C-alpha atoms as a PDB file:
ATOM      1  CA  UNK A   1      85.760 117.362 117.828  1.00  0.00           C
ATOM      2  CA  UNK A   2      88.190 115.887 120.365  1.00  0.00           C
ATOM      3  CA  UNK A   3      85.518 113.424 121.539  1.00  0.00           C
ATOM      4  CA  UNK A   4      84.998 112.244 117.976  1.00  0.00           C
ATOM      5  CA  UNK A   5      88.706 111.622 117.493  1.00  0.00           C
ATOM      6  CA  UNK A   6      88.918 109.666 120.767  1.00  0.00           C
ATOM      7  CA  UNK A   7      85.858 107.658 119.797  1.00  0.00           C
ATOM      8  CA  UNK A   8      87.343 106.879 116.353  1.00  0.00           C
ATOM      9  CA  UNK A   9      90.657 105.814 117.864  1.00  0.00           C
ATOM     10  CA  UNK A  10      88.930 103.516 120.375  1.00  0.00           C
ATOM     11  CA  UNK A  11      86.859 102.003 117.567  1.00  0.00           C
ATOM     12  CA  UNK A  12      89.975 101.323 115.489  1.00  0.00           C
ATOM     13  CA  UNK A  13      91.762  99.741 118.463  1.00  0.00           C
ATOM     14  CA  UNK A  14      88.728  97.543 119.175  1.00  0.00           C
ATOM     15  CA  UNK A  15      88.575  96.426 115.562  1.00  0.00           C
ATOM     16  CA  UNK A  16      92.266  95.613 115.515  1.00  0.00           C
ATOM     17  CA  UNK A  17      91.998  93.495 118.646  1.00  0.00           C
ATOM     18  CA  UNK A  18      88.922  91.726 117.274  1.00  0.00           C
ATOM     19  CA  UNK A  19      90.671  91.029 113.956  1.00  0.00           C
ATOM     20  CA  UNK A  20      93.652  89.554 115.772  1.00  0.00           C
ATOM     21  CA  UNK A  21      91.431  87.248 117.790  1.00  0.00           C
ATOM     22  CA  UNK A  22      89.525  86.122 114.710  1.00  0.00           C
ATOM     23  CA  UNK A  23      92.820  85.415 112.937  1.00  0.00           C
ATOM     24  CA  UNK A  24      94.038  83.204 115.782  1.00  0.00           C
ATOM     25  CA  UNK A  25      90.741  81.334 115.901  1.00  0.00           C
ATOM     26  CA  UNK A  26      90.773  80.714 112.169  1.00  0.00           C
ATOM     27  CA  UNK A  27      94.380  79.521 112.248  1.00  0.00           C
ATOM     28  CA  UNK A  28      93.544  77.061 115.032  1.00  0.00           C
ATOM     29  CA  UNK A  29      90.417  75.808 113.275  1.00  0.00           C
ATOM     30  CA  UNK A  30      91.973  75.264 109.854  1.00  0.00           C
ATOM     31  CA  UNK A  31      95.409  73.945 110.889  1.00  0.00           C
ATOM     32  CA  UNK A  32      94.632  70.204 110.638  1.00  0.00           C
ATOM     33  CA  UNK A  33      98.148  68.765 110.894  1.00  0.00           C
ATOM     34  CA  UNK A  34     100.397  68.262 113.885  1.00  0.00           C
ATOM     35  CA  UNK A  35     104.185  68.411 113.923  1.00  0.00           C
ATOM     36  CA  UNK A  36     104.170  64.666 114.440  1.00  0.00           C
ATOM     37  CA  UNK A  37     102.535  64.284 111.017  1.00  0.00           C
ATOM     38  CA  UNK A  38      99.210  62.966 112.278  1.00  0.00           C
ATOM     39  CA  UNK A  39      95.881  64.612 111.457  1.00  0.00           C
ATOM     40  CA  UNK A  40      94.170  66.371 114.316  1.00  0.00           C
ATOM     41  CA  UNK A  41      90.852  64.884 115.337  1.00  0.00           C
ATOM     42  CA  UNK A  42      87.742  66.986 114.844  1.00  0.00           C
ATOM     43  CA  UNK A  43      87.284  67.380 118.618  1.00  0.00           C
ATOM     44  CA  UNK A  44      90.639  69.240 118.752  1.00  0.00           C
ATOM     45  CA  UNK A  45      92.009  66.878 121.412  1.00  0.00           C
ATOM     46  CA  UNK A  46      95.647  67.304 122.240  1.00  0.00           C
ATOM     47  CA  UNK A  47      96.748  63.870 121.048  1.00  0.00           C
ATOM     48  CA  UNK A  48     100.034  65.156 119.664  1.00  0.00           C
ATOM     49  CA  UNK A  49     102.183  68.210 119.933  1.00  0.00           C
ATOM     50  CA  UNK A  50     101.156  71.187 117.794  1.00  0.00           C
ATOM     51  CA  UNK A  51     103.737  73.295 116.027  1.00  0.00           C
ATOM     52  CA  UNK A  52     105.255  76.417 117.533  1.00  0.00           C
ATOM     53  CA  UNK A  53     108.067  78.594 116.133  1.00  0.00           C
ATOM     54  CA  UNK A  54     110.650  75.823 116.526  1.00  0.00           C
ATOM     55  CA  UNK A  55     108.382  73.233 114.892  1.00  0.00           C
ATOM     56  CA  UNK A  56     107.318  71.347 118.020  1.00  0.00           C
ATOM     57  CA  UNK A  57     106.012  71.733 121.531  1.00  0.00           C
ATOM     58  CA  UNK A  58     108.020  70.994 124.666  1.00  0.00           C
ATOM     59  CA  UNK A  59     106.961  67.844 126.448  1.00  0.00           C
ATOM     60  CA  UNK A  60     106.686  68.864 130.126  1.00  0.00           C
ATOM     61  CA  UNK A  61     107.105  65.235 131.251  1.00  0.00           C
ATOM     62  CA  UNK A  62     110.575  64.715 129.815  1.00  0.00           C
ATOM     63  CA  UNK A  63     112.048  68.218 129.288  1.00  0.00           C
ATOM     64  CA  UNK A  64     114.946  69.325 131.435  1.00  0.00           C
ATOM     65  CA  UNK A  65     115.193  72.679 133.172  1.00  0.00           C
ATOM     66  CA  UNK A  66     116.936  74.373 130.222  1.00  0.00           C
ATOM     67  CA  UNK A  67     114.331  73.217 127.716  1.00  0.00           C
ATOM     68  CA  UNK A  68     111.496  74.365 129.969  1.00  0.00           C
ATOM     69  CA  UNK A  69     113.184  77.700 130.567  1.00  0.00           C
ATOM     70  CA  UNK A  70     113.310  78.176 126.790  1.00  0.00           C
ATOM     71  CA  UNK A  71     109.517  78.248 126.594  1.00  0.00           C
ATOM     72  CA  UNK A  72     108.229  81.780 126.029  1.00  0.00           C
ATOM     73  CA  UNK A  73     107.038  83.433 129.284  1.00  0.00           C
ATOM     74  CA  UNK A  74     108.783  80.722 131.357  1.00  0.00           C
ATOM     75  CA  UNK A  75     111.405  81.752 133.935  1.00  0.00           C
ATOM     76  CA  UNK A  76     114.281  79.595 135.101  1.00  0.00           C
ATOM     77  CA  UNK A  77     112.958  79.296 138.711  1.00  0.00           C
ATOM     78  CA  UNK A  78     109.527  78.160 137.470  1.00  0.00           C
ATOM     79  CA  UNK A  79     111.197  75.635 135.137  1.00  0.00           C
ATOM     80  CA  UNK A  80     113.103  74.261 138.139  1.00  0.00           C
ATOM     81  CA  UNK A  81     109.829  74.046 140.116  1.00  0.00           C
ATOM     82  CA  UNK A  82     108.246  71.990 137.292  1.00  0.00           C
ATOM     83  CA  UNK A  83     111.129  69.505 137.274  1.00  0.00           C
ATOM     84  CA  UNK A  84     111.138  69.283 141.107  1.00  0.00           C
ATOM     85  CA  UNK A  85     107.377  68.760 141.183  1.00  0.00           C
ATOM     86  CA  UNK A  86     107.653  66.093 138.483  1.00  0.00           C
ATOM     87  CA  UNK A  87     110.373  64.253 140.436  1.00  0.00           C
ATOM     88  CA  UNK A  88     108.273  64.231 143.605  1.00  0.00           C
ATOM     89  CA  UNK A  89     104.821  63.547 142.113  1.00  0.00           C
ATOM     90  CA  UNK A  90     105.406  61.796 138.794  1.00  0.00           C
ATOM     91  CA  UNK A  91     104.466  62.858 135.300  1.00  0.00           C
ATOM     92  CA  UNK A  92     101.657  65.211 134.307  1.00  0.00           C
ATOM     93  CA  UNK A  93      98.607  63.568 132.788  1.00  0.00           C
ATOM     94  CA  UNK A  94      97.076  66.968 131.889  1.00  0.00           C
ATOM     95  CA  UNK A  95      98.614  70.370 131.285  1.00  0.00           C
ATOM     96  CA  UNK A  96      96.234  71.799 133.911  1.00  0.00           C
ATOM     97  CA  UNK A  97      98.171  69.899 136.583  1.00  0.00           C
ATOM     98  CA  UNK A  98     100.853  72.561 136.199  1.00  0.00           C
ATOM     99  CA  UNK A  99      98.601  74.764 138.334  1.00  0.00           C
ATOM    100  CA  UNK A 100      99.867  72.701 141.310  1.00  0.00           C
ATOM    101  CA  UNK A 101     103.434  73.925 140.613  1.00  0.00           C
ATOM    102  CA  UNK A 102     104.640  76.927 142.591  1.00  0.00           C
ATOM    103  CA  UNK A 103     104.833  79.970 140.332  1.00  0.00           C
ATOM    104  CA  UNK A 104     102.281  78.806 137.762  1.00  0.00           C
ATOM    105  CA  UNK A 105      98.818  80.324 137.811  1.00  0.00           C
ATOM    106  CA  UNK A 106      95.975  80.413 135.327  1.00  0.00           C
ATOM    107  CA  UNK A 107      97.397  83.361 133.372  1.00  0.00           C
ATOM    108  CA  UNK A 108     100.849  81.817 132.932  1.00  0.00           C
ATOM    109  CA  UNK A 109      99.297  78.471 131.998  1.00  0.00           C
ATOM    110  CA  UNK A 110      97.220  80.181 129.339  1.00  0.00           C
ATOM    111  CA  UNK A 111     100.318  81.916 127.947  1.00  0.00           C
ATOM    112  CA  UNK A 112     102.427  78.767 127.741  1.00  0.00           C
ATOM    113  CA  UNK A 113      99.640  76.362 126.708  1.00  0.00           C
ATOM    114  CA  UNK A 114     100.442  76.561 122.984  1.00  0.00           C
ATOM    115  CA  UNK A 115     104.104  75.742 123.610  1.00  0.00           C
ATOM    116  CA  UNK A 116     103.734  72.610 125.761  1.00  0.00           C
ATOM    117  CA  UNK A 117     102.353  69.066 125.624  1.00  0.00           C
ATOM    118  CA  UNK A 118     102.233  66.027 127.887  1.00  0.00           C
ATOM    119  CA  UNK A 119     103.182  63.316 125.373  1.00  0.00           C
END
């Protein structure tokens, strides 16, 4: 009996996680407008900043330390590292270049990806 309850709970948790992922995917696929008012292209290129809770993404090429630190999951020291890196090496052409900044790894980049842009 206890095994059946555990199995049922694990099934429900799995279904909840799956439903959440499907919901995010559908939202991304059917949200065709950017905060800048332009239509997204069908290839989902990042030609403009997508909306977040505040209505826009943070441009990592012009944002100051305080703006960067306001990004969810971003700490103040990492925000300082981004600004310092940008001052030494110039602007970021791609978001993936943030992986060169001390304190940013693949997991953090994945978490902040929806909140940042390069133009």
